Amino acid sequence: MSAPRFKRRKEDRPAEITAAALAAFAENGYAATRVDDVARRAGVSKGLLYLYFATKEELFRAVIRSFVVPKIDALKSDIGKSEMSATAFLRGPFLEMAKSLPNSPAKILVRLMVAEGPKHPDLTAYYLENVVAPALDALRALIAKGVASGEFRPSALDTYPQLIVAPVMFSMLWSIVFDTHHKLDSNGLIESHIELLIGAISASTQGEKT
């Protein structure tokens, strides 16, 4: 038997509120978004919203946890349990995830970080701690796995895993600034970048596919 409607509705409210918050932040920016706007979009009272999220800052953090952190957690988990070679993982699961990011909620949050982050350092620090740092740690682990297996030679990626995701960030920024003038093939850019990196760090001279 399915759960009563009111019970399902109550359980769904946090997700509905964070979805409404993401839409409001995307439309108005962080500073200009009012909690009233989010409550109205979610179809709840302002008082009820505050029962779930005590402040707008906590609501923004919840958006990050809802829409971006799961991708990072999945990446970390997949790297840890995968029996694929590091090269195959870069060309497979990592590439698919990377391609999905430029048109995901992550782009909205990056735009907000760039535009309003200097005025809200607590939020940028939260994003760094919960999204950027874990993602870079996961990529370091992947590259280290490739070095340990003999696929990759030691390289600057050991120190600067940011180089792996550079085209993702570039694609987001291009879309935000230049998309109305010239659309970028972000999938092609990201795929080409991964191939160049693999060729550059491959322990073999050919960088053969594995």
N, C-alpha and C. Protein backbone atom coordinates (compact mmCIF):
# COMPACT_ATOMS: atom_id res chain seq x y z
N MET A 1 0.86 -1.20 0.00
CA MET A 1 0.00 0.00 0.00
C MET A 1 0.89 1.24 0.00
N SER A 2 0.53 2.24 -0.81
CA SER A 2 1.33 3.45 -0.86
C SER A 2 1.10 4.29 0.38
N ALA A 3 2.09 5.14 0.69
CA ALA A 3 1.99 5.99 1.87
C ALA A 3 0.89 7.03 1.67
N PRO A 4 0.24 7.49 2.76
CA PRO A 4 -0.77 8.53 2.64
C PRO A 4 -0.20 9.75 1.94
N ARG A 5 -1.08 10.45 1.21
CA ARG A 5 -0.62 11.59 0.43
C ARG A 5 0.07 12.65 1.28
N PHE A 6 -0.55 12.95 2.48
CA PHE A 6 0.02 14.00 3.31
C PHE A 6 1.41 13.62 3.80
N LYS A 7 1.64 12.32 4.03
CA LYS A 7 2.95 11.88 4.50
C LYS A 7 3.98 11.98 3.39
N ARG A 8 3.60 11.59 2.19
CA ARG A 8 4.53 11.71 1.06
C ARG A 8 4.85 13.19 0.82
N ARG A 9 3.84 14.02 0.92
CA ARG A 9 4.03 15.45 0.70
C ARG A 9 5.02 16.03 1.70
N LYS A 10 4.86 15.68 2.97
CA LYS A 10 5.75 16.18 4.01
C LYS A 10 7.19 15.74 3.74
N GLU A 11 7.37 14.51 3.35
CA GLU A 11 8.71 14.00 3.08
C GLU A 11 9.34 14.67 1.87
N ASP A 12 8.50 15.09 0.93
CA ASP A 12 9.01 15.72 -0.28
C ASP A 12 9.34 17.19 -0.11
N ARG A 13 8.88 17.80 0.97
CA ARG A 13 9.00 19.26 1.10
C ARG A 13 10.43 19.77 1.04
N PRO A 14 11.40 19.17 1.76
CA PRO A 14 12.77 19.72 1.65
C PRO A 14 13.29 19.75 0.22
N ALA A 15 13.03 18.69 -0.54
CA ALA A 15 13.49 18.65 -1.94
C ALA A 15 12.76 19.70 -2.77
N GLU A 16 11.47 19.88 -2.52
CA GLU A 16 10.71 20.89 -3.26
C GLU A 16 11.20 22.29 -2.93
N ILE A 17 11.53 22.52 -1.67
CA ILE A 17 12.02 23.84 -1.26
C ILE A 17 13.39 24.12 -1.87
N THR A 18 14.29 23.14 -1.86
CA THR A 18 15.61 23.38 -2.45
C THR A 18 15.53 23.58 -3.96
N ALA A 19 14.60 22.87 -4.62
CA ALA A 19 14.42 23.07 -6.06
C ALA A 19 13.90 24.48 -6.34
N ALA A 20 12.98 24.94 -5.51
CA ALA A 20 12.46 26.30 -5.66
C ALA A 20 13.56 27.32 -5.38
N ALA A 21 14.40 27.04 -4.39
CA ALA A 21 15.49 27.95 -4.07
C ALA A 21 16.49 28.04 -5.22
N LEU A 22 16.82 26.91 -5.83
CA LEU A 22 17.73 26.93 -6.96
C LEU A 22 17.18 27.79 -8.08
N ALA A 23 15.88 27.64 -8.38
CA ALA A 23 15.26 28.44 -9.44
C ALA A 23 15.29 29.93 -9.09
N ALA A 24 15.03 30.24 -7.82
CA ALA A 24 15.03 31.64 -7.41
C ALA A 24 16.43 32.24 -7.46
N PHE A 25 17.42 31.49 -6.99
CA PHE A 25 18.79 31.98 -7.04
C PHE A 25 19.24 32.18 -8.49
N ALA A 26 18.85 31.26 -9.37
CA ALA A 26 19.24 31.37 -10.78
C ALA A 26 18.63 32.61 -11.41
N GLU A 27 17.40 32.91 -11.04
CA GLU A 27 16.69 34.04 -11.64
C GLU A 27 17.10 35.39 -11.06
N ASN A 28 17.29 35.43 -9.74
CA ASN A 28 17.48 36.73 -9.08
C ASN A 28 18.87 36.95 -8.50
N GLY A 29 19.68 35.90 -8.41
CA GLY A 29 20.93 36.01 -7.69
C GLY A 29 20.72 35.70 -6.23
N TYR A 30 21.82 35.54 -5.51
CA TYR A 30 21.69 35.17 -4.10
C TYR A 30 21.17 36.33 -3.25
N ALA A 31 21.82 37.48 -3.34
CA ALA A 31 21.47 38.59 -2.46
C ALA A 31 20.03 39.06 -2.67
N ALA A 32 19.58 39.07 -3.92
CA ALA A 32 18.25 39.60 -4.22
C ALA A 32 17.13 38.60 -3.98
N THR A 33 17.45 37.36 -3.76
CA THR A 33 16.42 36.35 -3.49
C THR A 33 15.93 36.48 -2.06
N ARG A 34 14.62 36.54 -1.91
CA ARG A 34 14.02 36.61 -0.58
C ARG A 34 13.44 35.25 -0.22
N VAL A 35 13.45 34.95 1.05
CA VAL A 35 12.89 33.68 1.51
C VAL A 35 11.41 33.59 1.13
N ASP A 36 10.72 34.72 1.15
CA ASP A 36 9.31 34.73 0.74
C ASP A 36 9.15 34.22 -0.68
N ASP A 37 10.09 34.63 -1.58
CA ASP A 37 10.02 34.20 -2.98
C ASP A 37 10.16 32.68 -3.08
N VAL A 38 11.09 32.15 -2.32
CA VAL A 38 11.33 30.71 -2.35
C VAL A 38 10.11 29.96 -1.81
N ALA A 39 9.56 30.44 -0.70
CA ALA A 39 8.39 29.80 -0.12
C ALA A 39 7.22 29.80 -1.10
N ARG A 40 7.01 30.91 -1.78
CA ARG A 40 5.92 31.00 -2.75
C ARG A 40 6.13 30.02 -3.90
N ARG A 41 7.34 29.93 -4.40
CA ARG A 41 7.64 28.99 -5.48
C ARG A 41 7.41 27.54 -5.04
N ALA A 42 7.75 27.27 -3.78
CA ALA A 42 7.62 25.90 -3.27
C ALA A 42 6.20 25.58 -2.82
N GLY A 43 5.36 26.60 -2.75
CA GLY A 43 4.00 26.37 -2.33
C GLY A 43 3.85 26.12 -0.84
N VAL A 44 4.74 26.74 -0.04
CA VAL A 44 4.66 26.59 1.41
C VAL A 44 4.69 27.98 2.03
N SER A 45 4.36 28.04 3.31
CA SER A 45 4.43 29.31 4.01
C SER A 45 5.88 29.62 4.39
N LYS A 46 6.14 30.90 4.60
CA LYS A 46 7.48 31.30 5.02
C LYS A 46 7.85 30.64 6.35
N GLY A 47 6.87 30.57 7.26
CA GLY A 47 7.12 29.94 8.56
C GLY A 47 7.49 28.48 8.43
N LEU A 48 6.79 27.77 7.51
CA LEU A 48 7.10 26.36 7.32
C LEU A 48 8.48 26.19 6.72
N LEU A 49 8.84 27.05 5.79
CA LEU A 49 10.18 26.97 5.20
C LEU A 49 11.24 27.09 6.29
N TYR A 50 11.02 28.00 7.23
CA TYR A 50 12.00 28.22 8.29
C TYR A 50 12.10 27.01 9.24
N LEU A 51 11.07 26.17 9.26
CA LEU A 51 11.17 24.95 10.06
C LEU A 51 12.23 24.00 9.49
N TYR A 52 12.41 24.05 8.17
CA TYR A 52 13.40 23.19 7.51
C TYR A 52 14.76 23.87 7.38
N PHE A 53 14.75 25.17 7.09
CA PHE A 53 15.99 25.91 6.84
C PHE A 53 15.93 27.22 7.61
N ALA A 54 16.75 27.34 8.63
CA ALA A 54 16.64 28.46 9.57
C ALA A 54 17.03 29.80 8.97
N THR A 55 17.92 29.79 7.96
CA THR A 55 18.38 31.03 7.34
C THR A 55 18.51 30.83 5.84
N LYS A 56 18.63 31.94 5.13
CA LYS A 56 18.84 31.84 3.68
C LYS A 56 20.20 31.19 3.39
N GLU A 57 21.18 31.45 4.24
CA GLU A 57 22.49 30.83 4.06
C GLU A 57 22.39 29.32 4.15
N GLU A 58 21.63 28.83 5.13
CA GLU A 58 21.46 27.38 5.27
C GLU A 58 20.70 26.82 4.07
N LEU A 59 19.77 27.58 3.55
CA LEU A 59 19.03 27.14 2.36
C LEU A 59 19.98 27.02 1.17
N PHE A 60 20.88 27.97 1.03
CA PHE A 60 21.85 27.91 -0.07
C PHE A 60 22.77 26.70 0.09
N ARG A 61 23.20 26.45 1.31
CA ARG A 61 24.03 25.27 1.55
C ARG A 61 23.25 23.99 1.21
N ALA A 62 21.98 23.98 1.52
CA ALA A 62 21.15 22.81 1.21
C ALA A 62 21.04 22.60 -0.30
N VAL A 63 20.99 23.69 -1.06
CA VAL A 63 20.98 23.58 -2.52
C VAL A 63 22.27 22.91 -2.99
N ILE A 64 23.39 23.32 -2.44
CA ILE A 64 24.67 22.71 -2.79
C ILE A 64 24.67 21.23 -2.45
N ARG A 65 24.19 20.90 -1.24
CA ARG A 65 24.16 19.49 -0.83
C ARG A 65 23.22 18.67 -1.70
N SER A 66 22.15 19.28 -2.17
CA SER A 66 21.15 18.54 -2.94
C SER A 66 21.55 18.31 -4.38
N PHE A 67 22.17 19.32 -5.00
CA PHE A 67 22.35 19.27 -6.45
C PHE A 67 23.79 19.04 -6.91
N VAL A 68 24.77 19.25 -6.05
CA VAL A 68 26.16 19.10 -6.49
C VAL A 68 26.91 18.04 -5.69
N VAL A 69 26.78 18.06 -4.38
CA VAL A 69 27.52 17.13 -3.53
C VAL A 69 27.28 15.66 -3.93
N PRO A 70 26.04 15.25 -4.28
CA PRO A 70 25.86 13.84 -4.68
C PRO A 70 26.72 13.43 -5.86
N LYS A 71 26.97 14.34 -6.80
CA LYS A 71 27.84 14.01 -7.94
C LYS A 71 29.27 13.75 -7.47
N ILE A 72 29.73 14.55 -6.51
CA ILE A 72 31.08 14.38 -6.00
C ILE A 72 31.18 13.08 -5.20
N ASP A 73 30.17 12.82 -4.38
CA ASP A 73 30.16 11.58 -3.61
C ASP A 73 30.17 10.36 -4.53
N ALA A 74 29.39 10.44 -5.62
CA ALA A 74 29.34 9.32 -6.56
C ALA A 74 30.69 9.13 -7.25
N LEU A 75 31.35 10.24 -7.59
CA LEU A 75 32.67 10.15 -8.22
C LEU A 75 33.67 9.48 -7.27
N LYS A 76 33.69 9.92 -6.02
CA LYS A 76 34.60 9.33 -5.04
C LYS A 76 34.33 7.84 -4.87
N SER A 77 33.06 7.49 -4.77
CA SER A 77 32.69 6.08 -4.59
C SER A 77 33.09 5.25 -5.79
N ASP A 78 32.81 5.77 -6.99
CA ASP A 78 33.13 5.03 -8.21
C ASP A 78 34.62 4.81 -8.38
N ILE A 79 35.41 5.83 -8.06
CA ILE A 79 36.86 5.69 -8.16
C ILE A 79 37.35 4.64 -7.17
N GLY A 80 36.80 4.67 -5.97
CA GLY A 80 37.26 3.76 -4.93
C GLY A 80 36.95 2.30 -5.22
N LYS A 81 35.81 2.03 -5.83
CA LYS A 81 35.40 0.64 -6.03
C LYS A 81 35.62 0.12 -7.45
N SER A 82 35.97 1.03 -8.37
CA SER A 82 36.09 0.62 -9.77
C SER A 82 37.29 -0.31 -9.98
N GLU A 83 37.07 -1.32 -10.81
CA GLU A 83 38.17 -2.20 -11.22
C GLU A 83 38.71 -1.81 -12.59
N MET A 84 38.19 -0.72 -13.15
CA MET A 84 38.68 -0.22 -14.43
C MET A 84 40.07 0.38 -14.25
N SER A 85 40.83 0.40 -15.33
CA SER A 85 42.10 1.11 -15.28
C SER A 85 41.81 2.60 -15.13
N ALA A 86 42.81 3.34 -14.67
CA ALA A 86 42.62 4.78 -14.52
C ALA A 86 42.35 5.44 -15.86
N THR A 87 43.01 4.96 -16.90
CA THR A 87 42.78 5.50 -18.24
C THR A 87 41.35 5.27 -18.68
N ALA A 88 40.87 4.05 -18.51
CA ALA A 88 39.49 3.73 -18.90
C ALA A 88 38.49 4.52 -18.08
N PHE A 89 38.80 4.73 -16.81
CA PHE A 89 37.88 5.50 -15.97
C PHE A 89 37.80 6.95 -16.44
N LEU A 90 38.94 7.53 -16.81
CA LEU A 90 38.93 8.90 -17.32
C LEU A 90 38.11 9.00 -18.60
N ARG A 91 38.26 8.01 -19.46
CA ARG A 91 37.54 8.04 -20.74
C ARG A 91 36.08 7.63 -20.62
N GLY A 92 35.74 7.00 -19.50
CA GLY A 92 34.39 6.51 -19.32
C GLY A 92 33.61 7.29 -18.28
N PRO A 93 33.51 6.78 -17.05
CA PRO A 93 32.68 7.43 -16.03
C PRO A 93 33.03 8.89 -15.76
N PHE A 94 34.33 9.20 -15.69
CA PHE A 94 34.67 10.60 -15.42
C PHE A 94 34.26 11.50 -16.57
N LEU A 95 34.52 11.08 -17.79
CA LEU A 95 34.17 11.91 -18.95
C LEU A 95 32.67 12.16 -19.01
N GLU A 96 31.87 11.14 -18.75
CA GLU A 96 30.42 11.32 -18.78
C GLU A 96 29.96 12.30 -17.71
N MET A 97 30.52 12.19 -16.52
CA MET A 97 30.15 13.14 -15.47
C MET A 97 30.59 14.55 -15.85
N ALA A 98 31.82 14.68 -16.35
CA ALA A 98 32.34 16.00 -16.70
C ALA A 98 31.48 16.66 -17.77
N LYS A 99 31.04 15.89 -18.75
CA LYS A 99 30.19 16.44 -19.81
C LYS A 99 28.85 16.93 -19.29
N SER A 100 28.38 16.32 -18.22
CA SER A 100 27.07 16.70 -17.69
C SER A 100 27.10 18.00 -16.89
N LEU A 101 28.26 18.42 -16.43
CA LEU A 101 28.33 19.55 -15.51
C LEU A 101 28.05 20.92 -16.12
N PRO A 102 28.52 21.24 -17.35
CA PRO A 102 28.31 22.60 -17.86
C PRO A 102 26.85 23.01 -17.99
N ASN A 103 25.93 22.06 -18.12
CA ASN A 103 24.52 22.39 -18.23
C ASN A 103 23.72 21.89 -17.04
N SER A 104 24.39 21.73 -15.91
CA SER A 104 23.76 21.23 -14.70
C SER A 104 23.58 22.39 -13.70
N PRO A 105 22.91 22.12 -12.57
CA PRO A 105 22.81 23.16 -11.53
C PRO A 105 24.16 23.68 -11.07
N ALA A 106 25.21 22.90 -11.27
CA ALA A 106 26.54 23.37 -10.87
C ALA A 106 26.90 24.68 -11.57
N LYS A 107 26.45 24.85 -12.82
CA LYS A 107 26.76 26.09 -13.54
C LYS A 107 26.10 27.29 -12.87
N ILE A 108 24.88 27.10 -12.40
CA ILE A 108 24.18 28.18 -11.70
C ILE A 108 24.95 28.57 -10.45
N LEU A 109 25.39 27.58 -9.70
CA LEU A 109 26.10 27.86 -8.46
C LEU A 109 27.46 28.49 -8.72
N VAL A 110 28.15 28.04 -9.77
CA VAL A 110 29.43 28.67 -10.11
C VAL A 110 29.21 30.13 -10.49
N ARG A 111 28.16 30.40 -11.27
CA ARG A 111 27.87 31.79 -11.64
C ARG A 111 27.62 32.64 -10.40
N LEU A 112 26.90 32.11 -9.45
CA LEU A 112 26.65 32.85 -8.22
C LEU A 112 27.93 33.05 -7.41
N MET A 113 28.79 32.02 -7.39
CA MET A 113 30.05 32.14 -6.68
C MET A 113 30.91 33.25 -7.28
N VAL A 114 30.95 33.31 -8.62
CA VAL A 114 31.76 34.32 -9.30
C VAL A 114 31.19 35.71 -9.07
N ALA A 115 29.87 35.85 -9.22
CA ALA A 115 29.24 37.16 -9.15
C ALA A 115 29.13 37.70 -7.73
N GLU A 116 28.83 36.82 -6.77
CA GLU A 116 28.50 37.30 -5.43
C GLU A 116 29.38 36.70 -4.33
N GLY A 117 30.24 35.77 -4.70
CA GLY A 117 31.08 35.12 -3.70
C GLY A 117 31.91 36.06 -2.86
N PRO A 118 32.55 37.09 -3.45
CA PRO A 118 33.37 37.99 -2.63
C PRO A 118 32.61 38.65 -1.49
N LYS A 119 31.30 38.83 -1.65
CA LYS A 119 30.49 39.44 -0.59
C LYS A 119 29.96 38.41 0.41
N HIS A 120 30.11 37.14 0.06
CA HIS A 120 29.60 36.08 0.93
C HIS A 120 30.67 34.99 1.08
N PRO A 121 31.79 35.31 1.72
CA PRO A 121 32.90 34.37 1.81
C PRO A 121 32.56 33.07 2.53
N ASP A 122 31.59 33.11 3.43
CA ASP A 122 31.21 31.87 4.12
C ASP A 122 30.64 30.85 3.14
N LEU A 123 29.91 31.34 2.14
CA LEU A 123 29.31 30.44 1.16
C LEU A 123 30.36 29.88 0.21
N THR A 124 31.30 30.72 -0.22
CA THR A 124 32.36 30.21 -1.09
C THR A 124 33.23 29.22 -0.33
N ALA A 125 33.47 29.49 0.96
CA ALA A 125 34.25 28.54 1.76
C ALA A 125 33.52 27.22 1.88
N TYR A 126 32.21 27.26 2.03
CA TYR A 126 31.42 26.03 2.12
C TYR A 126 31.50 25.24 0.82
N TYR A 127 31.40 25.95 -0.32
CA TYR A 127 31.47 25.29 -1.62
C TYR A 127 32.86 24.67 -1.83
N LEU A 128 33.89 25.41 -1.44
CA LEU A 128 35.25 24.89 -1.55
C LEU A 128 35.43 23.62 -0.72
N GLU A 129 34.94 23.66 0.52
CA GLU A 129 35.14 22.53 1.43
C GLU A 129 34.33 21.31 1.03
N ASN A 130 33.12 21.51 0.53
CA ASN A 130 32.20 20.40 0.30
C ASN A 130 32.10 19.93 -1.15
N VAL A 131 32.59 20.75 -2.07
CA VAL A 131 32.53 20.37 -3.49
C VAL A 131 33.92 20.32 -4.10
N VAL A 132 34.60 21.45 -4.10
CA VAL A 132 35.87 21.54 -4.82
C VAL A 132 36.94 20.64 -4.21
N ALA A 133 37.17 20.76 -2.90
CA ALA A 133 38.23 19.98 -2.26
C ALA A 133 38.01 18.48 -2.38
N PRO A 134 36.80 17.95 -2.10
CA PRO A 134 36.60 16.51 -2.26
C PRO A 134 36.77 16.04 -3.70
N ALA A 135 36.35 16.87 -4.65
CA ALA A 135 36.51 16.50 -6.06
C ALA A 135 37.99 16.41 -6.43
N LEU A 136 38.78 17.37 -5.98
CA LEU A 136 40.21 17.35 -6.28
C LEU A 136 40.90 16.17 -5.59
N ASP A 137 40.48 15.85 -4.37
CA ASP A 137 41.04 14.68 -3.68
C ASP A 137 40.74 13.39 -4.46
N ALA A 138 39.52 13.30 -4.98
CA ALA A 138 39.14 12.11 -5.75
C ALA A 138 39.98 12.00 -7.02
N LEU A 139 40.23 13.11 -7.67
CA LEU A 139 41.03 13.09 -8.90
C LEU A 139 42.49 12.78 -8.59
N ARG A 140 43.00 13.28 -7.48
CA ARG A 140 44.36 12.92 -7.07
C ARG A 140 44.47 11.40 -6.87
N ALA A 141 43.43 10.84 -6.23
CA ALA A 141 43.44 9.39 -6.00
C ALA A 141 43.42 8.63 -7.32
N LEU A 142 42.66 9.12 -8.28
CA LEU A 142 42.60 8.44 -9.58
C LEU A 142 43.94 8.50 -10.30
N ILE A 143 44.56 9.66 -10.30
CA ILE A 143 45.86 9.80 -10.95
C ILE A 143 46.90 8.95 -10.24
N ALA A 144 46.86 8.93 -8.90
CA ALA A 144 47.81 8.11 -8.13
C ALA A 144 47.62 6.64 -8.46
N LYS A 145 46.37 6.22 -8.65
CA LYS A 145 46.09 4.84 -9.04
C LYS A 145 46.74 4.52 -10.37
N GLY A 146 46.64 5.47 -11.31
CA GLY A 146 47.26 5.26 -12.62
C GLY A 146 48.77 5.20 -12.56
N VAL A 147 49.36 6.02 -11.70
CA VAL A 147 50.82 6.00 -11.54
C VAL A 147 51.25 4.68 -10.90
N ALA A 148 50.52 4.25 -9.87
CA ALA A 148 50.87 3.01 -9.18
C ALA A 148 50.76 1.79 -10.07
N SER A 149 49.80 1.82 -11.01
CA SER A 149 49.61 0.68 -11.90
C SER A 149 50.57 0.69 -13.08
N GLY A 150 51.30 1.79 -13.24
CA GLY A 150 52.23 1.89 -14.37
C GLY A 150 51.61 2.47 -15.62
N GLU A 151 50.35 2.88 -15.55
CA GLU A 151 49.71 3.50 -16.73
C GLU A 151 50.24 4.90 -16.97
N PHE A 152 50.38 5.67 -15.88
CA PHE A 152 50.78 7.07 -15.98
C PHE A 152 52.16 7.27 -15.38
N ARG A 153 52.85 8.26 -15.90
CA ARG A 153 54.09 8.68 -15.27
C ARG A 153 53.77 9.84 -14.33
N PRO A 154 54.59 10.07 -13.32
CA PRO A 154 54.36 11.23 -12.45
C PRO A 154 54.34 12.51 -13.28
N SER A 155 53.45 13.40 -12.92
CA SER A 155 53.29 14.63 -13.71
C SER A 155 52.77 15.74 -12.81
N ALA A 156 52.53 16.89 -13.43
CA ALA A 156 51.99 18.04 -12.69
C ALA A 156 50.59 17.76 -12.16
N LEU A 157 49.91 16.76 -12.71
CA LEU A 157 48.57 16.44 -12.22
C LEU A 157 48.59 15.96 -10.78
N ASP A 158 49.72 15.43 -10.33
CA ASP A 158 49.84 15.01 -8.94
C ASP A 158 49.63 16.21 -8.01
N THR A 159 50.12 17.36 -8.42
CA THR A 159 50.03 18.58 -7.62
C THR A 159 48.84 19.44 -8.01
N TYR A 160 48.52 19.43 -9.30
CA TYR A 160 47.47 20.31 -9.82
C TYR A 160 46.37 19.51 -10.52
N PRO A 161 45.56 18.76 -9.76
CA PRO A 161 44.46 18.03 -10.39
C PRO A 161 43.41 18.97 -10.98
N GLN A 162 43.51 20.26 -10.64
CA GLN A 162 42.61 21.25 -11.23
C GLN A 162 42.70 21.24 -12.76
N LEU A 163 43.89 20.84 -13.27
CA LEU A 163 44.07 20.80 -14.72
C LEU A 163 43.09 19.84 -15.39
N ILE A 164 42.66 18.82 -14.66
CA ILE A 164 41.75 17.83 -15.25
C ILE A 164 40.37 18.44 -15.50
N VAL A 165 39.93 19.28 -14.59
CA VAL A 165 38.58 19.84 -14.72
C VAL A 165 38.58 21.24 -15.31
N ALA A 166 39.74 21.73 -15.73
CA ALA A 166 39.82 23.08 -16.28
C ALA A 166 38.83 23.31 -17.43
N PRO A 167 38.67 22.38 -18.37
CA PRO A 167 37.73 22.65 -19.47
C PRO A 167 36.27 22.69 -19.02
N VAL A 168 35.96 22.02 -17.92
CA VAL A 168 34.60 22.09 -17.38
C VAL A 168 34.32 23.50 -16.89
N MET A 169 35.24 24.05 -16.10
CA MET A 169 35.07 25.41 -15.62
C MET A 169 35.07 26.41 -16.78
N PHE A 170 35.95 26.20 -17.74
CA PHE A 170 35.99 27.10 -18.89
C PHE A 170 34.67 27.05 -19.65
N SER A 171 34.11 25.86 -19.81
CA SER A 171 32.84 25.73 -20.53
C SER A 171 31.72 26.46 -19.81
N MET A 172 31.69 26.36 -18.48
CA MET A 172 30.68 27.08 -17.72
C MET A 172 30.82 28.59 -17.90
N LEU A 173 32.04 29.09 -17.76
CA LEU A 173 32.27 30.53 -17.88
C LEU A 173 31.97 31.02 -19.30
N TRP A 174 32.35 30.22 -20.29
CA TRP A 174 32.06 30.59 -21.69
C TRP A 174 30.55 30.69 -21.88
N SER A 175 29.82 29.72 -21.38
CA SER A 175 28.37 29.72 -21.52
C SER A 175 27.74 30.94 -20.85
N ILE A 176 28.26 31.32 -19.69
CA ILE A 176 27.72 32.46 -18.96
C ILE A 176 28.00 33.77 -19.70
N VAL A 177 29.20 33.91 -20.27
CA VAL A 177 29.62 35.18 -20.83
C VAL A 177 29.39 35.30 -22.34
N PHE A 178 29.69 34.22 -23.09
CA PHE A 178 29.72 34.33 -24.54
C PHE A 178 28.67 33.53 -25.29
N ASP A 179 27.85 32.78 -24.58
CA ASP A 179 26.97 31.83 -25.26
C ASP A 179 26.02 32.49 -26.25
N THR A 180 25.57 33.70 -25.97
CA THR A 180 24.65 34.36 -26.89
C THR A 180 25.34 34.77 -28.19
N HIS A 181 26.66 34.86 -28.16
CA HIS A 181 27.41 35.24 -29.36
C HIS A 181 27.96 34.03 -30.11
N HIS A 182 28.41 33.05 -29.35
CA HIS A 182 29.01 31.88 -30.00
C HIS A 182 28.91 30.69 -29.05
N LYS A 183 28.20 29.67 -29.46
CA LYS A 183 28.05 28.49 -28.62
C LYS A 183 29.30 27.61 -28.71
N LEU A 184 29.70 27.11 -27.58
CA LEU A 184 30.88 26.25 -27.51
C LEU A 184 30.45 24.79 -27.44
N ASP A 185 31.15 23.94 -28.17
CA ASP A 185 30.92 22.50 -28.08
C ASP A 185 31.66 22.01 -26.84
N SER A 186 31.01 22.12 -25.69
CA SER A 186 31.68 21.77 -24.44
C SER A 186 32.01 20.29 -24.37
N ASN A 187 31.15 19.44 -24.93
CA ASN A 187 31.44 18.00 -24.93
C ASN A 187 32.72 17.71 -25.70
N GLY A 188 32.84 18.31 -26.87
CA GLY A 188 34.04 18.11 -27.68
C GLY A 188 35.28 18.65 -26.99
N LEU A 189 35.15 19.82 -26.36
CA LEU A 189 36.28 20.41 -25.65
C LEU A 189 36.75 19.52 -24.52
N ILE A 190 35.81 19.05 -23.70
CA ILE A 190 36.17 18.23 -22.54
C ILE A 190 36.78 16.90 -22.99
N GLU A 191 36.17 16.27 -23.98
CA GLU A 191 36.70 14.99 -24.47
C GLU A 191 38.10 15.17 -25.05
N SER A 192 38.31 16.22 -25.83
CA SER A 192 39.62 16.47 -26.43
C SER A 192 40.67 16.72 -25.35
N HIS A 193 40.26 17.45 -24.32
CA HIS A 193 41.19 17.76 -23.22
C HIS A 193 41.62 16.48 -22.50
N ILE A 194 40.67 15.60 -22.23
CA ILE A 194 41.00 14.35 -21.54
C ILE A 194 41.96 13.52 -22.38
N GLU A 195 41.73 13.47 -23.68
CA GLU A 195 42.64 12.72 -24.55
C GLU A 195 44.03 13.33 -24.56
N LEU A 196 44.12 14.65 -24.57
CA LEU A 196 45.43 15.30 -24.53
C LEU A 196 46.15 14.99 -23.22
N LEU A 197 45.41 15.02 -22.12
CA LEU A 197 46.02 14.72 -20.82
C LEU A 197 46.52 13.29 -20.77
N ILE A 198 45.70 12.36 -21.23
CA ILE A 198 46.11 10.96 -21.21
C ILE A 198 47.36 10.76 -22.05
N GLY A 199 47.38 11.38 -23.22
CA GLY A 199 48.57 11.28 -24.07
C GLY A 199 49.80 11.86 -23.40
N ALA A 200 49.60 12.93 -22.65
CA ALA A 200 50.74 13.63 -22.03
C ALA A 200 51.32 12.85 -20.84
N ILE A 201 50.47 12.13 -20.10
CA ILE A 201 50.95 11.49 -18.88
C ILE A 201 51.10 9.98 -19.04
N SER A 202 50.71 9.43 -20.18
CA SER A 202 50.80 8.00 -20.38
C SER A 202 52.24 7.52 -20.24
N ALA A 203 52.40 6.40 -19.55
CA ALA A 203 53.73 5.83 -19.39
C ALA A 203 54.26 5.29 -20.70
N SER A 204 53.35 4.98 -21.62
CA SER A 204 53.77 4.53 -22.94
C SER A 204 53.94 5.76 -23.82
N THR A 205 54.62 5.59 -24.92
CA THR A 205 54.82 6.72 -25.83
C THR A 205 53.62 6.95 -26.73
N GLN A 206 52.75 5.92 -26.83
CA GLN A 206 51.62 6.01 -27.72
C GLN A 206 50.35 6.48 -27.03
N GLY A 207 50.25 6.26 -25.70
CA GLY A 207 49.02 6.59 -25.00
C GLY A 207 47.87 5.74 -25.49
N GLU A 208 48.14 4.44 -25.71
CA GLU A 208 47.11 3.59 -26.27
C GLU A 208 45.89 3.52 -25.37
N LYS A 209 44.72 3.33 -25.96
CA LYS A 209 43.50 3.14 -25.20
C LYS A 209 43.58 1.82 -24.47
N THR A 210 43.07 1.80 -23.21
CA THR A 210 43.05 0.57 -22.43
C THR A 210 41.64 0.30 -21.98
